[in-house]
N, C-alpha and C. Protein backbone atom coordinates (compact mmCIF):
# COMPACT_ATOMS: atom_id res chain seq x y z
N MET A 1 172.39 -82.37 -11.37
CA MET A 1 172.73 -82.63 -12.43
C MET A 1 172.03 -83.72 -12.92
N LYS A 2 172.05 -84.86 -12.21
CA LYS A 2 171.13 -86.03 -12.25
C LYS A 2 169.73 -85.65 -12.55
N GLN A 3 169.56 -84.61 -11.90
CA GLN A 3 167.74 -84.31 -11.92
C GLN A 3 167.82 -83.63 -13.26
N LYS A 4 168.44 -82.29 -13.64
CA LYS A 4 168.00 -81.81 -15.23
C LYS A 4 168.01 -83.27 -16.33
N ALA A 5 169.39 -84.00 -15.86
CA ALA A 5 169.52 -85.15 -17.23
C ALA A 5 168.47 -85.74 -16.96
N ALA A 6 167.79 -86.14 -16.07
CA ALA A 6 166.60 -87.00 -15.69
C ALA A 6 165.56 -85.96 -16.67
N GLN A 7 165.35 -84.99 -16.44
CA GLN A 7 164.18 -84.41 -17.02
C GLN A 7 164.21 -84.03 -18.65
N TYR A 8 165.24 -83.74 -18.86
CA TYR A 8 165.46 -83.64 -20.22
C TYR A 8 165.75 -85.09 -21.04
N ILE A 9 165.83 -85.81 -20.61
CA ILE A 9 165.23 -87.32 -21.15
C ILE A 9 163.92 -87.57 -21.46
N SER A 10 163.15 -87.35 -20.19
CA SER A 10 161.90 -87.38 -20.38
C SER A 10 160.93 -86.57 -21.11
N ILE A 11 161.80 -85.44 -21.29
CA ILE A 11 161.22 -84.29 -22.31
C ILE A 11 161.47 -84.80 -23.79
N ILE A 12 162.56 -85.15 -23.75
CA ILE A 12 163.27 -85.46 -25.20
C ILE A 12 162.61 -86.53 -25.79
N LEU A 13 162.32 -87.65 -24.92
CA LEU A 13 161.94 -88.98 -25.57
C LEU A 13 160.26 -89.11 -24.77
N PHE A 14 159.81 -87.61 -24.83
CA PHE A 14 158.03 -87.89 -24.80
C PHE A 14 157.47 -88.59 -25.95
N PRO A 15 156.07 -89.27 -24.94
CA PRO A 15 155.18 -90.64 -26.11
C PRO A 15 155.17 -89.65 -27.66
N TYR A 16 155.02 -88.22 -27.29
CA TYR A 16 154.46 -87.74 -28.83
C TYR A 16 155.34 -87.58 -29.75
N ASN A 17 156.41 -87.26 -28.99
CA ASN A 17 157.65 -86.87 -30.33
C ASN A 17 157.84 -88.62 -30.51
N LEU A 18 158.28 -89.51 -29.98
CA LEU A 18 158.49 -90.71 -30.53
C LEU A 18 157.14 -91.04 -31.40
N ALA A 19 156.02 -90.88 -31.14
CA ALA A 19 155.05 -91.53 -31.83
C ALA A 19 155.30 -91.08 -33.50
N ILE A 20 155.76 -89.70 -33.76
CA ILE A 20 155.55 -88.98 -35.06
C ILE A 20 156.84 -89.83 -35.83
N LEU A 21 158.13 -89.92 -34.94
CA LEU A 21 159.39 -90.37 -35.60
C LEU A 21 158.94 -91.84 -35.89
N THR A 22 158.51 -92.48 -35.18
CA THR A 22 157.87 -93.86 -35.24
C THR A 22 157.07 -94.27 -36.25
N THR A 23 155.83 -93.56 -36.56
CA THR A 23 155.16 -93.54 -37.53
C THR A 23 155.94 -93.40 -38.72
N PHE A 24 156.31 -92.41 -39.20
CA PHE A 24 157.18 -92.11 -40.34
C PHE A 24 158.32 -93.45 -40.79
N LEU A 25 159.01 -93.60 -39.61
CA LEU A 25 159.92 -94.94 -40.14
C LEU A 25 158.85 -96.46 -40.45
N VAL A 26 157.92 -96.35 -39.74
CA VAL A 26 157.25 -97.46 -40.01
C VAL A 26 156.70 -97.39 -41.78
N LEU A 27 156.32 -96.35 -41.76
CA LEU A 27 155.63 -96.29 -43.22
C LEU A 27 156.67 -96.56 -44.19
N ARG A 28 158.08 -95.82 -43.76
CA ARG A 28 159.10 -95.88 -44.91
C ARG A 28 159.33 -97.22 -45.22
N VAL A 29 159.30 -98.36 -44.05
CA VAL A 29 159.54 -99.59 -44.56
C VAL A 29 158.84 -99.94 -46.15
N LYS A 30 157.86 -99.66 -46.25
CA LYS A 30 157.22 -100.00 -47.58
C LYS A 30 156.53 -98.86 -48.42
N HIS A 31 156.69 -97.53 -48.03
CA HIS A 31 156.43 -96.59 -49.17
C HIS A 31 157.31 -95.55 -48.90
N SER A 32 156.99 -94.30 -50.28
CA SER A 32 158.00 -93.30 -50.42
C SER A 32 158.01 -92.71 -49.55
N VAL A 33 158.92 -91.39 -49.31
CA VAL A 33 159.37 -90.33 -48.26
C VAL A 33 158.09 -89.24 -48.57
N ARG A 34 157.99 -89.41 -49.64
CA ARG A 34 156.57 -87.98 -49.76
C ARG A 34 155.54 -88.80 -49.01
N ASP A 35 155.17 -90.17 -49.35
CA ASP A 35 153.89 -90.90 -48.86
C ASP A 35 153.95 -91.04 -47.68
N SER A 36 155.09 -91.26 -46.85
CA SER A 36 155.25 -91.26 -45.77
C SER A 36 154.97 -90.21 -44.97
N LEU A 37 155.60 -88.91 -45.38
CA LEU A 37 155.61 -88.17 -44.71
C LEU A 37 153.98 -87.30 -44.29
N TYR A 38 153.24 -87.72 -45.84
CA TYR A 38 151.91 -87.63 -46.12
C TYR A 38 151.15 -88.13 -45.08
N TRP A 39 151.09 -89.57 -45.15
CA TRP A 39 150.66 -89.89 -43.81
C TRP A 39 150.89 -89.75 -42.38
N THR A 40 152.32 -89.55 -42.34
CA THR A 40 152.62 -89.54 -40.71
C THR A 40 151.91 -87.90 -40.49
N PHE A 41 151.22 -86.83 -41.22
CA PHE A 41 151.27 -85.79 -40.78
C PHE A 41 149.70 -86.03 -40.42
N PHE A 42 148.97 -86.69 -41.15
CA PHE A 42 147.59 -87.36 -40.81
C PHE A 42 147.51 -87.83 -39.24
N SER A 43 148.21 -89.18 -39.13
CA SER A 43 148.64 -89.81 -37.82
C SER A 43 148.95 -88.82 -36.88
N PHE A 44 149.76 -87.54 -37.09
CA PHE A 44 150.25 -86.64 -36.55
C PHE A 44 148.90 -86.04 -35.56
N VAL A 45 148.02 -85.78 -36.43
CA VAL A 45 146.61 -85.30 -35.91
C VAL A 45 145.96 -86.04 -34.71
N PHE A 46 145.78 -87.27 -34.76
CA PHE A 46 145.26 -88.41 -34.01
C PHE A 46 145.95 -88.91 -32.72
N LEU A 47 147.44 -88.58 -33.17
CA LEU A 47 148.74 -89.19 -32.40
C LEU A 47 148.90 -88.16 -31.10
N VAL A 48 148.75 -87.12 -31.52
CA VAL A 48 149.28 -85.57 -30.92
C VAL A 48 148.49 -84.46 -30.97
N VAL A 49 148.11 -84.03 -31.97
CA VAL A 49 146.99 -82.73 -31.92
C VAL A 49 145.78 -82.85 -30.88
N ILE A 50 144.81 -83.72 -31.17
CA ILE A 50 143.77 -84.15 -30.44
C ILE A 50 144.16 -84.69 -28.66
N PRO A 51 144.88 -85.60 -28.54
CA PRO A 51 144.85 -85.66 -27.09
C PRO A 51 145.68 -84.71 -26.59
N ALA A 52 147.06 -83.88 -27.46
CA ALA A 52 147.25 -83.00 -26.53
C ALA A 52 146.90 -81.24 -26.01
N THR A 53 146.11 -81.54 -27.33
CA THR A 53 144.98 -80.20 -27.03
C THR A 53 144.24 -80.09 -26.03
N TYR A 54 143.22 -81.31 -25.62
CA TYR A 54 142.53 -81.64 -24.94
C TYR A 54 143.37 -81.76 -23.00
N VAL A 55 144.75 -82.25 -23.37
CA VAL A 55 145.55 -81.81 -21.79
C VAL A 55 145.91 -80.57 -21.57
N ILE A 56 146.17 -79.96 -22.58
CA ILE A 56 146.93 -78.24 -22.57
C ILE A 56 145.47 -77.80 -21.81
N VAL A 57 144.36 -77.92 -22.54
CA VAL A 57 142.69 -77.23 -22.12
C VAL A 57 142.72 -77.58 -20.93
N GLN A 58 142.51 -79.23 -20.50
CA GLN A 58 142.54 -79.32 -18.92
C GLN A 58 143.59 -78.97 -18.04
N ILE A 59 144.77 -78.41 -18.59
CA ILE A 59 145.89 -78.22 -17.59
C ILE A 59 145.33 -76.59 -17.20
N MET A 60 145.02 -75.83 -18.32
CA MET A 60 144.65 -74.27 -17.88
C MET A 60 143.40 -74.78 -17.37
N ARG A 61 142.60 -75.49 -17.29
CA ARG A 61 141.32 -75.18 -16.19
C ARG A 61 141.56 -76.02 -15.01
N LYS A 62 142.92 -76.04 -14.82
CA LYS A 62 143.37 -77.03 -13.34
C LYS A 62 142.79 -77.87 -13.03
N LYS A 63 142.42 -78.81 -14.46
CA LYS A 63 141.69 -80.31 -14.25
C LYS A 63 142.73 -81.04 -13.86
N ILE A 64 143.80 -81.10 -14.68
CA ILE A 64 145.13 -82.02 -15.17
C ILE A 64 146.36 -81.21 -14.37
N THR A 65 147.11 -82.01 -13.77
CA THR A 65 148.34 -81.01 -13.37
C THR A 65 149.56 -80.90 -14.14
N ASN A 66 149.61 -81.65 -15.32
CA ASN A 66 150.78 -81.42 -16.29
C ASN A 66 150.72 -82.54 -17.85
N MET A 67 151.48 -82.07 -18.57
CA MET A 67 151.11 -82.81 -19.91
C MET A 67 151.38 -84.42 -19.66
N SER A 68 152.23 -85.09 -18.17
CA SER A 68 152.53 -86.39 -18.38
C SER A 68 151.52 -86.84 -17.44
N VAL A 69 149.94 -86.24 -17.09
CA VAL A 69 148.82 -86.59 -16.54
C VAL A 69 149.83 -87.54 -15.24
N GLU A 70 150.55 -87.36 -14.17
CA GLU A 70 150.95 -88.17 -13.26
C GLU A 70 149.65 -88.41 -12.15
N VAL A 71 148.44 -87.76 -12.25
CA VAL A 71 147.88 -88.42 -11.07
C VAL A 71 146.99 -89.42 -11.68
N ARG A 72 147.03 -90.50 -11.08
CA ARG A 72 146.16 -91.83 -11.55
C ARG A 72 144.77 -91.69 -11.87
N SER A 73 144.06 -90.71 -11.05
CA SER A 73 142.65 -90.40 -11.23
C SER A 73 142.41 -89.65 -12.66
N GLN A 74 143.41 -88.73 -12.60
CA GLN A 74 143.14 -87.88 -13.58
C GLN A 74 143.52 -88.36 -15.15
N ARG A 75 143.74 -89.59 -15.54
CA ARG A 75 143.95 -90.38 -16.63
C ARG A 75 142.79 -90.63 -17.44
N LYS A 76 141.68 -90.82 -16.74
CA LYS A 76 140.47 -91.62 -17.07
C LYS A 76 140.18 -91.05 -18.20
N GLN A 77 140.03 -89.54 -18.39
CA GLN A 77 139.60 -88.54 -19.38
C GLN A 77 140.75 -88.24 -20.37
N VAL A 78 141.78 -88.71 -20.33
CA VAL A 78 142.56 -88.30 -20.85
C VAL A 78 142.70 -90.05 -21.97
N TYR A 79 142.76 -91.17 -21.58
CA TYR A 79 142.86 -92.26 -22.03
C TYR A 79 141.31 -92.40 -22.97
N LEU A 80 140.28 -91.75 -22.42
CA LEU A 80 138.96 -91.94 -23.38
C LEU A 80 139.25 -91.07 -24.24
N VAL A 81 139.39 -89.86 -24.19
CA VAL A 81 139.92 -88.81 -25.54
C VAL A 81 140.93 -89.62 -26.46
N GLY A 82 141.77 -90.34 -25.90
CA GLY A 82 143.02 -90.79 -27.00
C GLY A 82 142.43 -92.35 -27.51
N LEU A 83 141.51 -92.99 -26.64
CA LEU A 83 141.00 -93.91 -27.41
C LEU A 83 139.72 -93.66 -28.55
N THR A 84 138.61 -92.56 -28.32
CA THR A 84 137.95 -91.80 -29.04
C THR A 84 138.97 -91.42 -30.45
N SER A 85 140.22 -90.98 -30.18
CA SER A 85 141.06 -90.25 -31.23
C SER A 85 141.53 -91.63 -31.76
N LEU A 86 141.68 -92.77 -31.48
CA LEU A 86 142.61 -94.05 -32.17
C LEU A 86 141.18 -94.53 -33.14
N ILE A 87 139.75 -94.79 -32.33
CA ILE A 87 139.15 -95.33 -33.27
C ILE A 87 138.90 -94.53 -34.02
N THR A 88 138.58 -93.49 -33.95
CA THR A 88 137.74 -92.10 -35.36
C THR A 88 139.20 -92.59 -36.65
N ALA A 89 140.70 -92.61 -36.00
CA ALA A 89 141.75 -92.79 -36.85
C ALA A 89 141.52 -93.93 -37.48
N CYS A 90 141.02 -94.79 -36.74
CA CYS A 90 140.74 -96.57 -37.34
C CYS A 90 139.85 -96.64 -38.77
N VAL A 91 138.75 -96.26 -38.11
CA VAL A 91 137.65 -95.92 -39.27
C VAL A 91 137.85 -94.80 -40.49
N LEU A 92 138.54 -93.84 -40.28
CA LEU A 92 138.78 -92.94 -41.02
C LEU A 92 140.10 -93.71 -41.93
N PHE A 93 140.78 -94.21 -41.59
CA PHE A 93 141.88 -94.71 -42.34
C PHE A 93 141.54 -95.85 -43.22
N TYR A 94 140.56 -96.43 -42.63
CA TYR A 94 139.77 -97.98 -43.46
C TYR A 94 139.12 -97.20 -44.45
N LEU A 95 138.36 -95.97 -44.10
CA LEU A 95 137.45 -95.32 -45.53
C LEU A 95 138.17 -95.11 -46.26
N ILE A 96 139.18 -94.11 -46.21
CA ILE A 96 140.26 -93.17 -46.97
C ILE A 96 141.12 -94.28 -47.67
N ASN A 97 141.09 -95.78 -47.10
CA ASN A 97 142.19 -96.55 -47.82
C ASN A 97 143.80 -96.25 -47.35
N ALA A 98 143.87 -96.11 -46.39
CA ALA A 98 145.24 -95.53 -45.83
C ALA A 98 146.18 -96.99 -46.34
N PRO A 99 147.49 -96.51 -46.35
CA PRO A 99 148.23 -97.73 -46.09
C PRO A 99 147.84 -98.82 -45.20
N SER A 100 147.93 -100.10 -45.13
CA SER A 100 147.68 -101.34 -44.22
C SER A 100 148.45 -100.97 -43.45
N VAL A 101 149.90 -100.54 -43.37
CA VAL A 101 150.67 -101.00 -42.42
C VAL A 101 150.40 -99.75 -41.27
N LEU A 102 150.02 -98.64 -41.92
CA LEU A 102 149.15 -97.20 -40.78
C LEU A 102 148.27 -98.07 -40.14
N PHE A 103 147.34 -98.49 -41.01
CA PHE A 103 146.28 -98.75 -40.15
C PHE A 103 146.16 -100.04 -39.27
N SER A 104 147.27 -100.89 -39.43
CA SER A 104 147.37 -102.00 -38.51
C SER A 104 148.07 -101.33 -37.67
N ALA A 105 148.91 -100.65 -37.71
CA ALA A 105 149.35 -99.86 -36.29
C ALA A 105 148.83 -99.59 -35.41
N PHE A 106 147.55 -98.52 -36.25
CA PHE A 106 146.95 -97.64 -35.07
C PHE A 106 145.94 -98.84 -34.58
N VAL A 107 145.46 -100.25 -35.27
CA VAL A 107 144.71 -101.44 -34.56
C VAL A 107 145.27 -101.52 -33.42
N PHE A 108 146.87 -101.97 -33.45
CA PHE A 108 147.42 -102.51 -32.31
C PHE A 108 147.81 -101.53 -31.10
N LEU A 109 147.93 -100.09 -31.56
CA LEU A 109 148.08 -99.24 -30.77
C LEU A 109 146.66 -99.25 -29.68
N LEU A 110 145.44 -99.07 -30.59
CA LEU A 110 144.17 -98.97 -29.91
C LEU A 110 144.04 -99.89 -28.92
N LEU A 111 144.35 -101.27 -29.30
CA LEU A 111 144.65 -102.02 -28.16
C LEU A 111 145.52 -102.62 -27.26
N LEU A 112 146.75 -101.78 -27.52
CA LEU A 112 147.50 -101.53 -26.38
C LEU A 112 146.89 -100.26 -25.22
N CYS A 113 146.34 -99.27 -26.20
CA CYS A 113 145.58 -98.26 -25.25
C CYS A 113 144.26 -99.04 -24.05
N VAL A 114 143.43 -99.81 -24.99
CA VAL A 114 142.35 -100.63 -24.12
C VAL A 114 143.31 -101.34 -23.03
N LEU A 115 144.26 -101.82 -23.11
CA LEU A 115 144.85 -102.57 -22.13
C LEU A 115 145.58 -101.79 -21.14
N ALA A 116 146.09 -100.45 -21.35
CA ALA A 116 146.93 -99.81 -20.52
C ALA A 116 145.67 -99.13 -19.87
N PHE A 117 144.63 -98.75 -20.54
CA PHE A 117 143.41 -98.23 -19.72
C PHE A 117 142.83 -99.14 -18.56
N ALA A 118 142.82 -100.26 -18.73
CA ALA A 118 142.34 -101.12 -18.11
C ALA A 118 143.82 -101.43 -16.95
N VAL A 119 144.65 -101.56 -17.25
CA VAL A 119 145.50 -101.76 -16.15
C VAL A 119 145.34 -100.61 -15.32
N ASN A 120 145.62 -99.36 -16.31
CA ASN A 120 145.39 -98.08 -15.15
C ASN A 120 144.40 -97.89 -14.10
N PHE A 121 143.53 -98.74 -14.29
CA PHE A 121 142.19 -98.89 -13.51
C PHE A 121 142.21 -99.53 -12.34
N VAL A 122 142.74 -100.70 -12.80
CA VAL A 122 142.54 -102.21 -11.94
C VAL A 122 143.77 -102.03 -10.95
N VAL A 123 145.01 -102.30 -11.72
CA VAL A 123 146.22 -102.61 -10.81
C VAL A 123 146.59 -101.09 -10.52
N HIS A 124 147.30 -100.64 -11.33
CA HIS A 124 148.25 -99.27 -11.18
C HIS A 124 148.74 -98.63 -12.57
N LYS A 125 148.95 -96.83 -11.83
CA LYS A 125 149.16 -96.31 -13.42
C LYS A 125 150.65 -97.36 -14.39
N THR A 126 150.67 -97.15 -15.45
CA THR A 126 151.33 -97.71 -16.19
C THR A 126 152.21 -96.18 -16.57
N SER A 127 153.16 -96.42 -17.08
CA SER A 127 154.32 -95.21 -17.54
C SER A 127 154.14 -95.46 -19.21
N ALA A 128 153.30 -94.19 -19.41
CA ALA A 128 153.15 -93.81 -20.98
C ALA A 128 154.61 -93.39 -21.63
N HIS A 129 155.53 -93.07 -20.70
CA HIS A 129 156.70 -93.23 -21.32
C HIS A 129 157.52 -93.96 -21.82
N MET A 130 157.43 -95.15 -21.17
CA MET A 130 157.89 -96.41 -21.05
C MET A 130 157.12 -97.31 -22.36
N MET A 131 155.91 -96.79 -22.27
CA MET A 131 154.66 -97.52 -23.53
C MET A 131 155.32 -97.14 -25.00
N GLY A 132 155.68 -95.64 -25.05
CA GLY A 132 155.95 -94.88 -26.47
C GLY A 132 157.58 -95.57 -26.38
N ILE A 133 158.41 -95.75 -25.64
CA ILE A 133 159.72 -96.49 -26.17
C ILE A 133 159.61 -97.91 -26.29
N GLY A 134 158.81 -98.58 -25.97
CA GLY A 134 158.41 -99.85 -25.90
C GLY A 134 157.89 -99.93 -27.55
N LEU A 135 157.00 -99.37 -27.88
CA LEU A 135 156.45 -99.36 -29.16
C LEU A 135 157.27 -99.05 -30.32
N THR A 136 158.05 -97.82 -30.11
CA THR A 136 159.34 -97.50 -30.63
C THR A 136 160.07 -98.73 -31.56
N PHE A 137 160.54 -99.36 -30.18
CA PHE A 137 161.78 -100.38 -30.36
C PHE A 137 160.96 -101.61 -31.29
N SER A 138 159.49 -101.77 -30.52
CA SER A 138 159.23 -102.89 -31.62
C SER A 138 158.85 -102.89 -32.96
N PHE A 139 157.89 -101.74 -33.01
CA PHE A 139 157.49 -101.18 -34.42
C PHE A 139 158.73 -101.30 -35.28
N LEU A 140 160.01 -100.91 -34.82
CA LEU A 140 161.31 -100.60 -35.59
C LEU A 140 162.04 -101.87 -35.76
N LEU A 141 161.94 -102.87 -35.28
CA LEU A 141 162.76 -103.79 -34.92
C LEU A 141 162.66 -104.53 -36.62
N GLN A 142 161.88 -104.85 -37.26
CA GLN A 142 161.70 -105.66 -38.51
C GLN A 142 162.33 -104.73 -39.42
N GLY A 143 161.92 -103.07 -39.73
CA GLY A 143 162.72 -102.60 -40.53
C GLY A 143 163.87 -101.89 -40.15
N TYR A 144 164.54 -101.62 -38.93
CA TYR A 144 165.41 -100.78 -38.95
C TYR A 144 165.87 -101.81 -37.44
N PRO A 145 166.42 -102.96 -37.58
CA PRO A 145 167.20 -103.45 -36.34
C PRO A 145 167.71 -102.78 -35.51
N VAL A 146 169.23 -102.42 -36.43
CA VAL A 146 170.06 -101.65 -35.52
C VAL A 146 169.43 -100.39 -34.81
N LEU A 147 168.70 -99.69 -35.75
CA LEU A 147 168.06 -98.70 -34.73
C LEU A 147 167.22 -99.04 -33.88
N ALA A 148 166.60 -100.10 -33.76
CA ALA A 148 165.77 -100.58 -32.69
C ALA A 148 166.00 -101.08 -31.62
N TYR A 149 167.51 -101.52 -31.56
CA TYR A 149 168.35 -102.19 -30.55
C TYR A 149 169.20 -100.65 -29.51
N CYS A 150 169.44 -99.46 -30.45
CA CYS A 150 169.60 -98.16 -30.05
C CYS A 150 168.54 -97.80 -29.22
N VAL A 151 167.61 -97.51 -29.68
CA VAL A 151 165.80 -97.46 -29.10
C VAL A 151 166.04 -98.18 -27.36
N LEU A 152 166.26 -99.42 -27.62
CA LEU A 152 166.20 -99.98 -26.60
C LEU A 152 167.25 -99.72 -25.72
N ALA A 153 168.59 -99.58 -25.85
CA ALA A 153 169.73 -98.51 -25.09
C ALA A 153 169.06 -97.59 -24.37
N PHE A 154 167.94 -96.56 -25.15
CA PHE A 154 167.44 -95.36 -24.66
C PHE A 154 166.27 -95.44 -23.37
N ALA A 155 165.93 -96.84 -23.61
CA ALA A 155 164.83 -96.87 -22.75
C ALA A 155 164.91 -97.52 -21.63
N VAL A 156 166.31 -97.87 -21.19
CA VAL A 156 166.96 -97.86 -20.11
C VAL A 156 166.98 -96.56 -19.30
N LEU A 157 167.14 -95.33 -20.03
CA LEU A 157 167.71 -94.25 -19.49
C LEU A 157 166.20 -93.70 -19.55
N VAL A 158 165.33 -93.82 -20.41
CA VAL A 158 163.64 -93.27 -19.78
C VAL A 158 163.32 -93.80 -18.63
N ALA A 159 163.89 -95.08 -18.34
CA ALA A 159 163.03 -96.15 -17.11
C ALA A 159 163.65 -95.71 -15.87
N TRP A 160 165.46 -95.06 -16.18
CA TRP A 160 165.90 -94.53 -15.14
C TRP A 160 165.50 -93.17 -14.82
N SER A 161 164.97 -92.30 -15.90
CA SER A 161 164.39 -91.38 -15.81
C SER A 161 163.02 -91.01 -14.82
N ARG A 162 162.13 -91.96 -15.22
CA ARG A 162 161.01 -91.57 -14.64
C ARG A 162 160.84 -92.32 -13.10
N TYR A 163 161.99 -93.31 -13.07
CA TYR A 163 162.42 -93.50 -11.64
C TYR A 163 162.78 -92.77 -10.52
N TYR A 164 163.97 -91.81 -10.79
CA TYR A 164 164.62 -91.14 -10.47
C TYR A 164 163.39 -89.72 -10.03
N LEU A 165 162.80 -89.50 -10.98
CA LEU A 165 162.00 -88.22 -10.80
C LEU A 165 160.85 -88.44 -9.91
N HIS A 166 160.79 -89.81 -9.54
CA HIS A 166 160.03 -89.78 -8.89
C HIS A 166 158.44 -90.02 -9.64
N LYS A 167 158.44 -89.81 -10.59
CA LYS A 167 157.24 -90.12 -11.65
C LYS A 167 156.27 -91.43 -11.36
N HIS A 168 157.47 -92.71 -11.73
CA HIS A 168 156.59 -93.83 -11.41
C HIS A 168 157.38 -95.16 -10.63
N THR A 169 156.98 -95.86 -10.21
CA THR A 169 157.53 -97.11 -9.53
C THR A 169 157.93 -98.37 -10.72
N LEU A 170 158.77 -99.12 -10.00
CA LEU A 170 159.61 -99.94 -11.07
C LEU A 170 158.52 -100.88 -11.54
N PRO A 171 157.50 -101.49 -10.97
CA PRO A 171 156.38 -102.02 -11.63
C PRO A 171 155.45 -101.30 -12.61
N GLU A 172 155.70 -100.07 -12.15
CA GLU A 172 154.69 -99.30 -13.33
C GLU A 172 155.51 -99.20 -14.63
N ILE A 173 157.10 -99.08 -14.52
CA ILE A 173 157.61 -98.77 -15.41
C ILE A 173 157.52 -100.04 -15.90
N ILE A 174 157.57 -100.74 -15.76
CA ILE A 174 158.00 -102.42 -16.10
C ILE A 174 156.45 -102.69 -16.95
N SER A 175 155.56 -102.39 -16.51
CA SER A 175 154.47 -102.95 -16.98
C SER A 175 154.24 -102.14 -18.38
N GLY A 176 154.59 -100.57 -18.36
CA GLY A 176 154.63 -100.29 -19.53
C GLY A 176 155.12 -100.51 -20.71
N PHE A 177 156.38 -100.69 -20.41
CA PHE A 177 157.05 -101.23 -21.30
C PHE A 177 156.97 -102.70 -21.73
N ALA A 178 156.39 -103.56 -20.52
CA ALA A 178 155.96 -105.03 -20.90
C ALA A 178 154.87 -105.20 -22.17
N MET A 179 153.96 -104.54 -21.55
CA MET A 179 152.83 -104.22 -22.71
C MET A 179 153.04 -103.54 -23.66
N SER A 180 153.44 -102.96 -24.05
CA SER A 180 153.99 -102.09 -25.34
C SER A 180 154.87 -103.08 -25.97
N VAL A 181 155.98 -103.59 -25.65
CA VAL A 181 156.42 -104.31 -26.19
C VAL A 181 155.92 -105.83 -26.70
N GLY A 182 155.06 -106.23 -26.11
CA GLY A 182 154.73 -107.48 -26.33
C GLY A 182 153.49 -107.30 -27.34
N THR A 183 152.35 -105.78 -27.17
CA THR A 183 151.88 -105.10 -28.22
C THR A 183 152.35 -105.37 -29.72
N GLY A 184 153.73 -104.40 -29.24
CA GLY A 184 154.53 -104.15 -30.72
C GLY A 184 155.24 -105.48 -31.47
N LEU A 185 155.39 -106.04 -30.68
CA LEU A 185 156.08 -107.04 -31.36
C LEU A 185 155.29 -108.07 -32.24
N ILE A 186 153.89 -108.65 -31.60
CA ILE A 186 153.17 -109.31 -31.94
C ILE A 186 152.84 -108.07 -33.70
N PHE A 187 152.57 -107.26 -33.52
CA PHE A 187 152.10 -106.35 -35.06
C PHE A 187 153.64 -106.46 -35.94
N SER A 188 155.07 -106.05 -35.43
CA SER A 188 155.70 -105.99 -36.32
C SER A 188 156.19 -107.05 -36.68
N PHE A 189 156.19 -108.70 -36.23
CA PHE A 189 155.99 -109.92 -36.57
C PHE A 189 154.97 -110.40 -37.54
N TYR A 190 153.52 -109.83 -37.28
CA TYR A 190 152.58 -110.17 -37.96
C TYR A 190 152.70 -109.44 -39.36
N TYR A 191 152.61 -108.09 -39.08
CA TYR A 191 152.95 -107.26 -40.64
C TYR A 191 154.04 -106.62 -41.14
N LEU A 192 154.79 -106.89 -40.41
CA LEU A 192 156.02 -106.63 -41.19
C LEU A 192 157.13 -107.82 -41.64
N VAL A 193 157.05 -108.77 -41.24
CA VAL A 193 157.73 -109.80 -41.61
C VAL A 193 157.02 -110.41 -43.54
């Protein structure tokens, strides 16, 4: 029973799922539903389609074990694809005059990915699940404080699931969460206040 619950938590609160919802809600703080949906679609391509397609292709080629990319040595290529996707998005969003909140969020996400990339290869792997839920919490804190604190409660469940499933150690869980919350809070208080 606990095993299944932990697996469901990890699947439902997978970083790709959180990225889209968070993008839409952050955009909604300053933009209409229509504009928020439009720009969320653009973000979906860079946040989910490009990295997920790469991971799926590499899984089919037997170069990566699964969507969570649990083997630390396999993460390098995924980080590089993710970083390339984020850099491309930042340049494109700048050139086409995307909403400044979206551009800024992508810049902060890019900085977080650079930090996570460095930690992953110098210290230990970090929990992408915890980075996702940490960013969701901190990005939503200004516009949706009640929802943000609900997300914080879910962070405890995500941490438990990753630890219970033996996907991460406690330091990996804490570092993923701490890096994302730190980066996200700087964005949230700098940009959304």
